Protein backbone atom coordinates (compact mmCIF):
# COMPACT_ATOMS: atom_id res chain seq x y z
CA MET A 1 63.49 103.00 123.10
CA LEU A 2 59.76 103.81 122.91
CA ASP A 3 59.16 107.31 124.21
CA GLU A 4 56.09 108.95 125.69
CA CYS A 5 55.41 111.37 122.82
CA PRO A 6 51.92 111.31 121.26
CA ALA A 7 53.36 110.70 117.80
CA TRP A 8 54.54 107.26 116.82
CA SER A 9 58.31 107.47 117.21
CA LEU A 10 61.33 105.66 118.59
CA LYS A 11 64.85 106.65 119.53
CA LEU A 12 68.07 104.71 119.12
CA THR A 13 70.11 104.89 122.31
CA PRO A 14 73.62 103.38 122.67
CA VAL A 15 73.83 101.33 125.87
CA SER A 16 76.77 99.33 127.18
CA LEU A 17 76.05 95.78 128.33
CA ASP A 18 78.43 96.47 131.20
CA SER A 19 76.15 99.22 132.48
CA GLU A 20 73.23 98.69 134.85
CA GLN A 21 70.69 99.99 132.34
CA ARG A 22 67.43 98.06 132.61
CA PHE A 23 65.91 97.00 129.31
CA THR A 24 63.47 94.61 127.66
CA ALA A 25 64.19 92.39 124.65
CA LEU A 26 61.71 91.39 121.96
CA SER A 27 61.47 87.84 120.60
CA TYR A 28 59.49 87.63 117.37
CA VAL A 29 59.49 86.44 113.75
CA TRP A 30 60.38 88.98 111.10
CA GLY A 31 57.59 87.89 108.78
CA ASP A 32 57.04 88.74 105.11
CA PRO A 33 59.92 91.01 103.98
CA ALA A 34 57.82 92.35 101.11
CA ASP A 35 55.13 93.84 103.36
CA LYS A 36 56.82 96.74 105.16
CA PRO A 37 54.97 99.56 106.91
CA SER A 38 56.98 102.41 108.42
CA VAL A 39 57.91 103.65 111.87
CA VAL A 40 59.78 106.81 112.81
CA ILE A 41 63.21 106.42 114.42
CA ASP A 42 65.09 109.56 115.43
CA GLY A 43 62.93 111.54 113.02
CA TYR A 44 63.54 109.25 110.05
CA SER A 45 60.99 106.96 108.42
CA VAL A 46 62.20 103.35 108.61
CA LYS A 47 60.59 100.33 106.98
CA VAL A 48 59.89 97.35 109.25
CA THR A 49 58.09 94.08 108.64
CA LYS A 50 54.36 93.92 109.26
CA ASN A 51 54.80 91.51 112.16
CA LEU A 52 57.26 93.80 113.94
CA HIS A 53 54.94 96.74 113.31
CA SER A 54 52.10 94.76 114.93
CA ALA A 55 54.29 94.03 117.95
CA LEU A 56 55.23 97.69 118.37
CA SER A 57 51.58 98.69 117.99
CA ARG A 58 50.58 96.26 120.71
CA LEU A 59 53.27 97.59 123.06
CA ARG A 60 52.23 101.14 122.35
CA ARG A 61 48.58 100.43 123.17
CA GLN A 62 49.45 98.79 126.47
CA GLY A 63 51.46 101.87 127.44
CA PHE A 64 54.94 100.37 127.27
CA THR A 65 57.77 102.89 127.61
CA GLY A 66 61.46 102.40 128.20
CA HIS A 67 64.40 100.70 126.55
CA ILE A 68 63.71 97.70 124.32
CA TRP A 69 66.20 95.74 122.22
CA ILE A 70 64.94 94.63 118.78
CA ASP A 71 67.38 92.91 116.46
CA ALA A 72 66.02 94.37 113.20
CA LEU A 73 66.41 97.92 114.57
CA CYS A 74 69.46 97.60 116.81
CA ILE A 75 71.66 95.73 114.31
CA ASN A 76 72.30 97.13 110.85
CA GLN A 77 71.25 94.10 108.85
CA CYS A 78 72.98 95.45 105.74
CA ASP A 79 76.38 95.76 107.42
CA THR A 80 78.15 92.38 107.50
CA LEU A 81 80.86 93.54 109.89
CA GLU A 82 78.30 94.90 112.35
CA LYS A 83 76.34 91.63 112.24
CA ASN A 84 79.55 89.69 112.79
CA SER A 85 80.26 91.68 115.95
CA GLN A 86 76.71 91.93 117.31
CA VAL A 87 75.42 88.37 116.87
CA PRO A 88 77.93 86.92 119.40
CA LEU A 89 76.52 89.37 121.96
CA MET A 90 72.94 88.16 121.70
CA ALA A 91 73.39 85.61 124.48
CA ARG A 92 74.35 88.41 126.87
CA ILE A 93 71.55 90.62 125.61
CA TYR A 94 68.77 88.10 126.23
CA SER A 95 70.22 86.86 129.52
CA GLN A 96 70.62 90.41 130.88
CA ALA A 97 67.20 91.68 129.77
CA GLU A 98 64.85 92.04 132.73
CA ASN A 99 62.04 90.69 130.57
CA VAL A 100 61.76 89.04 127.16
CA LEU A 101 58.51 89.83 125.37
CA ILE A 102 57.47 86.99 123.06
CA TRP A 103 55.30 88.28 120.23
CA LEU A 104 53.48 85.40 118.53
CA GLY A 105 51.44 87.60 116.23
CA PRO A 106 47.92 89.00 116.29
CA GLU A 107 44.88 86.93 117.24
CA PRO A 108 41.27 88.17 117.21
CA ASP A 109 40.40 87.65 120.88
CA GLY A 110 43.32 85.87 122.54
CA GLY A 111 41.13 82.88 123.39
CA ALA A 112 43.78 80.27 122.60
CA LEU A 113 46.35 82.03 124.76
CA ARG A 114 43.94 82.26 127.70
CA ALA A 115 43.07 78.57 127.37
CA ILE A 116 46.74 77.59 127.22
CA GLN A 117 47.51 79.75 130.24
CA GLN A 118 44.75 78.06 132.25
CA LEU A 119 45.77 74.62 131.04
CA GLY A 120 49.40 75.36 131.90
CA ILE A 121 48.49 76.43 135.43
CA HIS A 122 46.37 73.31 135.90
CA PHE A 123 49.09 71.08 134.47
CA ARG A 124 51.70 72.51 136.84
CA GLU A 125 49.36 71.84 139.77
CA GLN A 126 48.84 68.27 138.58
CA VAL A 127 52.52 67.43 138.30
CA ARG A 128 53.76 69.40 141.29
CA ASN A 129 54.30 66.17 143.22
CA GLN A 130 55.27 64.08 140.23
CA PRO A 131 58.92 63.05 139.77
CA ASN A 132 60.81 64.83 137.03
CA ASP A 133 59.99 62.22 134.44
CA GLY A 134 58.47 62.84 131.02
CA GLY A 135 56.32 59.70 131.19
CA GLU A 136 54.72 60.71 134.49
CA ARG A 137 54.04 64.20 133.19
CA ILE A 138 52.49 62.90 130.00
CA GLU A 139 50.26 60.57 131.99
CA ALA A 140 49.08 63.44 134.19
CA PHE A 141 48.39 65.72 131.26
CA VAL A 142 46.64 63.04 129.22
CA LYS A 143 44.38 62.45 132.22
CA THR A 144 43.31 66.09 132.07
CA VAL A 145 42.53 65.88 128.37
CA ARG A 146 40.77 62.53 128.80
CA ASP A 147 38.58 63.87 131.61
CA TYR A 148 37.58 66.76 129.41
CA ALA A 149 36.84 64.48 126.46
CA ILE A 150 34.57 62.29 128.61
CA THR A 151 32.77 64.92 130.68
CA GLY A 152 33.28 68.15 128.74
CA THR A 153 34.57 69.78 131.91
CA THR A 154 37.79 70.15 133.85
CA ARG A 155 38.64 71.80 137.13
CA LEU A 156 39.28 74.87 134.99
CA GLN A 157 36.18 75.57 132.97
CA THR A 158 33.89 74.08 130.36
CA GLY A 159 34.21 74.53 126.61
CA PHE A 160 37.98 74.30 126.20
CA ASP A 161 38.86 75.09 122.56
CA PHE A 162 41.52 72.45 121.94
CA GLU A 163 41.39 73.07 118.21
CA ALA A 164 42.44 76.68 118.78
CA ILE A 165 45.27 75.50 121.00
CA TRP A 166 46.43 73.09 118.30
CA ARG A 167 46.44 75.88 115.71
CA PHE A 168 48.26 78.09 118.17
CA PHE A 169 51.25 75.76 118.16
CA ARG A 170 51.13 74.38 114.64
CA GLN A 171 50.45 77.48 112.57
CA ARG A 172 52.58 80.16 114.19
CA ALA A 173 56.02 80.55 112.67
CA TRP A 174 57.57 81.67 115.97
CA TRP A 175 57.74 78.07 117.22
CA ARG A 176 59.94 77.10 114.27
CA ARG A 177 62.36 80.04 114.34
CA VAL A 178 65.86 79.03 115.39
CA TRP A 179 66.73 82.25 117.25
CA VAL A 180 63.86 81.93 119.73
CA ILE A 181 65.46 78.90 121.36
CA GLN A 182 68.28 80.84 122.98
CA GLU A 183 66.09 83.91 123.43
CA VAL A 184 63.72 81.99 125.69
CA VAL A 185 66.20 79.64 127.37
CA LEU A 186 68.43 82.53 128.42
CA ALA A 187 65.62 84.84 129.53
CA GLN A 188 65.33 85.73 133.22
CA HIS A 189 61.61 86.29 132.73
CA ALA A 190 59.46 85.98 129.62
CA THR A 191 55.96 87.17 128.76
CA VAL A 192 53.91 85.83 125.85
CA LEU A 193 51.85 88.28 123.80
CA CYS A 194 49.41 86.98 121.20
CA THR A 195 46.59 89.41 120.52
CA GLU A 196 45.99 93.07 119.88
CA ASN A 197 44.24 93.25 123.27
CA PRO A 198 46.74 94.65 125.80
CA GLN A 199 44.84 92.91 128.61
CA VAL A 200 45.72 89.44 127.32
CA SER A 201 49.16 88.02 128.03
CA ALA A 202 50.73 85.08 129.84
CA THR A 203 54.01 84.27 131.50
CA TRP A 204 56.20 81.85 129.60
CA ASP A 205 55.96 79.25 132.41
CA ASP A 206 52.16 79.18 132.30
CA THR A 207 52.13 78.95 128.53
CA ILE A 208 54.75 76.35 127.86
CA THR A 209 55.36 74.24 130.98
CA TRP A 210 52.90 71.57 129.94
CA THR A 211 54.43 71.26 126.47
CA THR A 212 57.99 70.58 127.59
CA PHE A 213 57.51 66.83 127.39
CA GLY A 214 56.57 67.12 123.72
CA ASN A 215 59.62 68.91 122.36
CA GLY A 216 60.37 66.31 119.69
CA SER A 217 58.47 68.04 116.92
CA GLU A 218 59.14 66.78 113.42
CA ASN A 219 59.13 70.36 112.16
CA ALA A 220 62.73 71.41 111.71
CA ILE A 221 63.77 74.78 113.04
CA GLN A 222 63.90 77.45 110.38
CA ALA A 223 66.09 80.40 109.50
CA THR A 224 66.13 82.79 106.55
CA ASP A 225 69.91 82.48 106.37
CA PRO A 226 70.91 78.79 106.69
CA ARG A 227 74.03 79.81 108.63
CA ASP A 228 71.74 81.05 111.38
CA ARG A 229 70.83 77.43 112.08
CA ILE A 230 74.23 77.42 113.80
CA TYR A 231 74.73 81.04 114.85
CA GLY A 232 71.26 81.11 116.39
CA LEU A 233 72.26 78.46 118.92
CA LEU A 234 75.70 79.76 119.91
CA GLY A 235 74.27 81.38 123.01
CA LEU A 236 73.58 77.91 124.41
CA VAL A 237 77.13 76.69 123.84
CA ARG A 238 79.76 76.82 126.59
CA LEU A 239 81.60 80.13 126.57
CA GLY A 240 84.95 78.47 125.89
CA ASP A 241 83.57 76.68 122.82
CA ARG A 242 81.61 79.73 121.67
CA GLN A 243 84.73 81.88 121.60
CA LYS A 244 86.36 79.47 119.15
CA ILE A 245 83.52 79.73 116.62
CA LEU A 246 83.80 82.82 114.45
CA VAL A 247 80.57 84.47 113.31
CA ASP A 248 81.03 85.48 109.69
CA TYR A 249 78.21 86.58 107.37
CA SER A 250 80.47 87.34 104.41
CA PRO A 251 79.33 85.83 101.06
CA ASN A 252 82.28 83.43 100.96
CA THR A 253 81.20 81.79 104.22
CA THR A 254 78.80 78.97 103.33
CA LEU A 255 76.81 76.72 105.64
CA ASP A 256 79.39 74.00 104.99
CA THR A 257 82.16 76.38 106.04
CA VAL A 258 80.34 77.16 109.29
CA LEU A 259 79.62 73.49 110.03
CA SER A 260 83.26 72.58 109.38
CA SER A 261 84.52 75.37 111.64
CA VAL A 262 82.22 74.25 114.44
CA ALA A 263 83.32 70.62 114.02
CA ARG A 264 86.98 71.52 114.15
CA ALA A 265 86.55 73.69 117.26
CA LEU A 266 84.57 71.03 119.13
CA LEU A 267 86.82 68.19 117.98
CA GLU A 268 89.94 70.00 119.16
CA GLU A 269 88.40 70.64 122.56
CA HIS A 270 86.34 67.52 123.23
CA GLY A 271 87.78 64.84 121.00
CA PRO A 272 86.01 62.12 118.99
CA ASP A 273 82.83 62.03 121.09
CA VAL A 274 81.75 64.92 118.84
CA LEU A 275 81.64 62.43 115.95
CA SER A 276 78.67 60.72 117.63
CA PHE A 277 76.54 63.46 116.14
CA CYS A 278 77.48 62.55 112.54
CA GLN A 279 74.74 60.77 110.62
CA GLY A 280 76.08 60.01 107.14
CA THR A 281 79.06 59.34 104.91
CA ASP A 282 78.53 61.37 101.75
CA LEU A 283 80.49 64.52 101.12
CA SER A 284 78.27 67.54 100.59
CA PRO A 285 78.23 69.36 97.23
CA ASP A 286 80.69 71.87 98.68
CA GLY A 287 83.00 69.11 99.90
CA ARG A 288 82.13 68.93 103.60
CA PRO A 289 84.09 66.08 105.21
CA SER A 290 82.27 63.05 106.58
CA TRP A 291 83.52 63.84 110.12
CA VAL A 292 81.63 67.16 110.21
CA PRO A 293 78.23 66.86 111.97
CA ASP A 294 75.32 68.59 110.25
CA TRP A 295 73.55 70.24 113.17
CA THR A 296 70.70 71.39 110.89
CA LEU A 297 69.36 67.85 110.40
CA HIS A 298 66.63 66.24 112.47
CA ARG A 299 68.78 64.29 114.91
CA VAL A 300 68.49 60.55 115.35
CA PRO A 301 68.78 59.63 119.06
CA GLY A 302 72.37 58.64 119.74
CA ILE A 303 73.98 55.43 120.92
CA GLY A 304 74.18 56.14 124.63
CA GLU A 305 74.04 59.63 126.07
CA VAL A 306 77.31 61.07 124.84
CA SER A 307 78.00 64.36 126.60
CA LEU A 308 80.61 66.98 125.79
CA THR A 309 80.83 68.08 129.42
CA SER A 310 83.54 66.46 131.51
CA ASP A 311 81.38 66.30 134.64
CA THR A 312 78.74 64.07 133.04
CA LYS A 313 78.98 60.33 133.65
CA GLN A 314 79.14 58.48 130.34
CA GLN A 315 77.21 55.26 129.76
CA TYR A 316 80.06 53.52 127.93
CA ASN A 317 83.85 53.41 128.10
CA ALA A 318 84.84 51.85 124.78
CA SER A 319 88.36 53.30 124.72
CA ASN A 320 89.05 52.02 128.24
CA GLY A 321 89.95 55.30 129.86
CA ALA A 322 92.12 56.57 127.01
CA THR A 323 91.23 60.23 127.55
CA TRP A 324 91.26 62.89 124.87
CA THR A 325 93.53 65.03 127.02
CA GLU A 326 96.07 62.22 126.94
CA TRP A 327 95.93 61.69 123.16
CA ALA A 328 95.03 65.12 121.72
CA SER A 329 98.65 66.01 120.99
CA ARG A 330 98.92 63.04 118.64
CA SER A 331 95.93 64.10 116.55
CA ARG A 332 96.01 66.44 113.58
CA ILE A 333 92.89 68.58 113.31
CA ARG A 334 93.82 72.26 113.31
CA GLY A 335 94.91 72.35 109.65
CA ALA A 336 92.22 69.97 108.46
CA LEU A 337 90.27 72.66 106.62
CA CYS A 338 93.20 74.29 104.86
CA GLY A 339 92.88 72.52 101.53
CA ASP A 340 93.13 68.99 102.98
CA PRO A 341 89.91 67.81 104.68
CA VAL A 342 91.61 65.19 106.84
CA ALA A 343 91.17 64.70 110.57
CA CYS A 344 93.85 62.34 111.85
CA LEU A 345 92.92 60.66 115.14
CA PRO A 346 94.62 57.86 117.09
CA GLY A 347 92.65 54.63 117.34
CA ILE A 348 92.47 50.92 116.64
CA ILE A 349 90.38 48.96 114.13
CA ILE A 350 88.78 46.06 116.02
CA GLY A 351 86.59 44.41 113.39
CA ARG A 352 84.93 44.40 110.00
CA ALA A 353 81.22 43.99 109.28
CA VAL A 354 80.63 40.71 107.45
CA GLU A 355 76.84 40.85 107.32
CA VAL A 356 74.45 43.76 107.71
CA GLY A 357 70.70 43.55 108.23
CA ARG A 358 67.95 45.76 106.92
CA GLU A 359 67.07 49.17 108.28
CA PHE A 360 64.24 49.15 110.81
CA THR A 361 61.51 51.51 109.58
CA ALA A 362 58.36 50.03 111.14
CA LEU A 363 55.91 52.49 112.66
CA PRO A 364 54.12 51.80 115.95
CA PHE A 365 50.33 51.48 115.87
CA THR A 366 50.35 50.12 112.30
CA PRO A 367 48.87 46.67 111.55
CA SER A 368 52.23 45.23 110.52
CA PHE A 369 54.28 46.63 113.42
CA LEU A 370 54.43 43.48 115.53
CA ASN A 371 55.29 41.30 112.55
CA ASP A 372 57.95 43.81 111.43
CA CYS A 373 59.53 43.71 114.88
CA ARG A 374 59.63 39.92 114.89
CA GLU A 375 61.12 39.78 111.40
CA TRP A 376 63.84 42.27 112.33
CA LEU A 377 64.71 40.38 115.51
CA GLY A 378 64.66 37.09 113.61
CA GLU A 379 67.05 38.49 111.02
CA LEU A 380 69.34 39.68 113.81
CA LYS A 381 69.45 36.18 115.28
CA ASP A 382 70.17 34.60 111.88
CA ILE A 383 72.98 37.07 111.12
CA VAL A 384 74.66 36.47 114.45
CA ALA A 385 74.25 32.68 114.28
CA ARG A 386 75.89 32.56 110.85
CA SER A 387 78.73 34.78 112.01
CA LEU A 388 79.35 32.64 115.09
CA GLY A 389 79.34 29.51 112.97
CA HIS A 390 81.92 30.93 110.57
CA LYS A 391 84.21 31.87 113.47
CA GLY A 392 84.01 28.37 114.89
CA LYS A 393 82.89 29.52 118.32
CA ASP A 394 82.23 26.69 120.75
CA ALA A 395 78.69 25.86 121.83
CA ALA A 396 78.98 27.68 125.16
CA GLN A 397 80.16 30.91 123.51
CA GLN A 398 77.43 30.73 120.88
CA ALA A 399 74.77 30.14 123.54
CA MET A 400 76.01 33.07 125.62
CA THR A 401 75.97 35.45 122.65
CA LEU A 402 72.53 34.37 121.48
CA ARG A 403 71.15 34.56 125.03
CA ASN A 404 72.21 38.22 125.18
CA LEU A 405 70.73 39.28 121.83
CA TRP A 406 68.04 41.20 123.72
CA ARG A 407 70.72 43.78 124.51
CA ILE A 408 71.23 44.74 120.85
CA PRO A 409 67.96 46.65 120.19
CA ILE A 410 68.45 48.78 123.32
CA ALA A 411 72.24 49.06 122.84
CA ASP A 412 72.46 47.67 126.39
CA VAL A 413 70.98 50.85 127.87
CA GLY A 414 67.52 51.33 129.31
CA LEU A 415 65.81 54.69 129.47
CA ILE A 416 68.36 56.18 131.87
CA ARG A 417 71.00 53.56 132.74
CA ARG A 418 72.71 50.31 131.86
CA PRO A 419 70.41 47.40 132.79
CA THR A 420 70.54 46.28 136.41
CA ALA A 421 69.93 42.67 137.44
CA GLU A 422 66.27 43.54 137.96
CA ASP A 423 66.05 45.25 134.56
CA THR A 424 67.67 42.23 132.94
CA VAL A 425 64.94 39.90 134.20
CA VAL A 426 62.22 42.20 132.83
CA PHE A 427 63.89 42.80 129.47
CA GLU A 428 64.73 39.14 128.89
CA GLU A 429 61.15 38.10 129.63
CA GLN A 430 59.68 40.74 127.34
CA TYR A 431 62.16 39.85 124.59
CA GLU A 432 60.96 36.25 124.83
CA ILE A 433 57.35 37.43 124.52
CA LEU A 434 58.15 39.60 121.52
CA THR A 435 60.01 36.85 119.66
CA GLY A 436 57.24 34.34 120.32
CA ARG A 437 59.13 32.02 122.66
CA HIS A 438 56.75 33.04 125.45
CA PRO A 439 53.26 32.84 123.86
CA PRO A 440 50.17 34.84 124.87
CA PRO A 441 47.56 33.28 127.18
CA ALA A 442 45.73 30.38 125.55
CA ASP A 443 42.38 32.16 125.59
CA LEU A 444 43.72 34.95 123.33
CA ASP A 445 44.16 34.75 119.60
CA GLY A 446 44.35 37.00 116.56
CA GLU A 447 44.26 40.73 117.25
CA ALA A 448 43.69 40.18 120.96
CA ALA A 449 46.88 38.12 121.21
CA ASP A 450 48.85 40.73 119.27
CA ALA A 451 47.50 43.49 121.51
CA TRP A 452 48.61 41.50 124.56
CA VAL A 453 52.15 41.15 123.15
CA ILE A 454 52.36 44.86 122.36
CA ALA A 455 51.18 45.79 125.85
CA GLN A 456 53.43 43.30 127.63
CA THR A 457 56.59 44.41 125.79
CA TRP A 458 56.19 48.17 126.08
CA GLU A 459 58.83 48.57 128.78
CA TYR A 460 61.42 46.74 126.68
CA ARG A 461 60.58 48.55 123.43
CA ARG A 462 60.64 52.06 124.90
CA PRO A 463 64.45 52.36 124.93
CA TRP A 464 64.94 50.74 121.51
CA LYS A 465 67.69 52.33 119.42
CA ILE A 466 66.99 50.36 116.23
CA TYR A 467 65.05 53.07 114.40
CA GLN A 468 67.03 54.19 111.32
CA ARG A 469 69.74 51.68 112.18
CA ARG A 470 70.86 48.24 111.04
CA ALA A 471 71.95 45.15 112.94
CA PHE A 472 75.27 43.64 111.93
CA ALA A 473 77.86 41.05 112.90
CA ASP A 474 81.60 41.54 112.54
CA ASP A 475 84.33 39.10 111.60
CA ASN A 476 84.89 38.30 115.27
CA GLY A 477 81.33 37.04 115.64
CA CYS A 478 80.31 40.11 117.66
CA PRO A 479 76.79 41.48 117.05
CA GLY A 480 76.11 45.19 116.94
CA LEU A 481 73.90 48.07 115.93
CA GLY A 482 75.13 50.55 113.34
CA PRO A 483 73.96 53.49 111.20
CA LYS A 484 71.41 52.89 108.46
CA THR A 485 74.07 53.74 105.84
CA MET A 486 76.55 51.04 106.90
CA GLU A 487 77.48 48.25 104.50
CA PRO A 488 79.29 44.90 104.62
CA GLY A 489 83.03 45.53 104.65
CA ASP A 490 82.80 48.64 106.82
CA CYS A 491 85.27 48.68 109.73
CA VAL A 492 84.68 49.09 113.45
CA VAL A 493 87.13 51.49 115.07
CA LEU A 494 87.85 52.62 118.62
CA LEU A 495 89.15 56.20 118.72
CA ALA A 496 91.19 57.39 121.68
CA GLY A 497 88.98 59.37 124.03
CA ALA A 498 85.69 58.19 122.52
CA HIS A 499 83.11 56.46 124.68
CA VAL A 500 81.53 54.53 121.78
CA PRO A 501 82.95 52.71 118.72
CA PHE A 502 82.45 54.07 115.20
CA ILE A 503 81.80 52.59 111.79
CA ILE A 504 84.21 53.80 109.09
CA ARG A 505 84.51 52.98 105.38
CA ARG A 506 87.69 52.89 103.35
CA ASP A 507 87.76 55.67 100.76
CA SER A 508 86.74 54.44 97.30
CA ASN A 509 89.80 56.15 95.82
CA GLY A 510 92.04 53.70 97.65
CA GLY A 511 94.75 54.46 100.15
CA SER A 512 94.52 54.43 103.92
CA ARG A 513 91.85 57.09 104.40
CA TYR A 514 88.31 56.47 105.62
CA ARG A 515 84.92 58.08 105.61
CA LEU A 516 83.02 58.21 108.88
CA VAL A 517 79.68 56.38 108.75
CA GLY A 518 78.58 56.97 112.33
CA PRO A 519 78.55 55.72 115.94
CA ALA A 520 77.80 52.09 116.77
CA TYR A 521 77.03 49.67 119.56
CA VAL A 522 79.20 46.53 119.46
CA GLN A 523 78.57 43.83 122.02
CA GLY A 524 81.72 43.03 123.97
CA SER A 525 83.44 46.29 123.05
CA MET A 526 81.61 48.99 124.99
CA ASP A 527 83.59 48.84 128.23
CA GLY A 528 87.16 48.81 126.99
CA GLU A 529 87.45 45.07 126.38
CA LYS A 530 89.23 45.59 123.03
CA SER A 531 91.04 48.87 123.62
CA GLU A 532 94.80 48.32 123.51
CA LYS A 533 96.55 51.69 123.75
CA SER A 534 99.85 50.22 122.59
CA LEU A 535 98.20 49.24 119.30
CA PHE A 536 96.72 52.66 118.48
CA ILE A 537 97.53 53.88 114.98
CA ASP A 538 96.68 57.05 113.06
CA ILE A 539 93.17 56.86 111.57
CA GLU A 540 92.70 59.40 108.77
CA LEU A 541 89.10 60.53 108.23
CA ILE A 542 88.00 62.58 105.21
């Protein structure tokens, strides 16, 4: 706690989380470990990072007194056993704190924070009557920025320093620190501090509300210890799952060990839907199995909205109601990490990829984007047509499959739901425009015609799932969308309890074991059409 003595000093006070003691928690970035000024704690000089020292100085100047929880001071960072026991409590600490103080670091005058606070207030007023939709919110916010760009004024004030606001978000390390996610999400109330001036602060809502639609930053979250990329998010995990994941900072516990432990715990509880978060096939240098998701990677949007909560309606039902509860006893997962990295799950192989297209990597707003889209869609059509021809499908079946190719890029899901009859009309028409079967107006040509196509097909392209994926056709003539790492010869499998199919690859060493490639969309297999429980066999994944 910070006391009221004239000298700069703090006291360590043991407090039970079961007590009614009121306290504040600090959310901050440690900063440069080599630059360490001192503070006095219980009469002893203790080195702290410069950024923490700045935060304490700011609090002192504004007259803060009382109990405050600071991880660097309240947890002995040199004691592994203490860290192992304290880190699991951080969710309770930040959720029980009456206020979380967010220290972003010093700023000369706090101008950026004031501007963001005003912009946040204005943004909330703008969207108060808007539906809870990211697109509507973006449109409202862009209108504010556009009005300022045209007139130089807003309802707020003139002279908004947008460059300072940009630097505020891009250059401050706090936004990229993994621990702050749970610290802010769990907070009852949060206050942002970003200047030495004690008169300048903002509530978290005013500061960040208008940025919630833009949370897809390409900057990966950071942590000094790579294991904290997992431990730092445990507070957001369901209590039952969290209790199964052991926090262990001992030297023998690597990031791969942590990821494998998390995968096993989630797989045992939730079944193969967890595998939807896997994005590759290669074993890591330390031997991490292919069925272990790497939660530290920038995540590619999934096929459908797979949820690990039982009360969430799933968009697909590939295993036709074969629930994990029903089939869990037949799986073998618990001993998978004890020298034999095998997860044995019941399922059925329903096909094999005979032709795989190229990965879609085109970037919007580039000169070649429209042509790249058309080439990818044309390749999809050619792949499927060849596959249908080899299977000897009759003309009616071929026509039906080709007529529904528009479903492949969106994996038969719009922004929030499976396409309705009304959606189908819109998507089919825009697919025809994009592929050139429905040409632009006759008075448009060149760039104007291309711009018309791009504008007219926006609604269809918004829910595309083809980025970092490949189109394919299996040996049954069924088209699909698979991971970018899939290859001809890979198998399509339905796993009991999973809502989507998966692509697996037979181990190069031979035998009956497979590596997981990733989740897939397979037309004609997403609603249980090919799930035969009586034919389920043991699928061994390594």
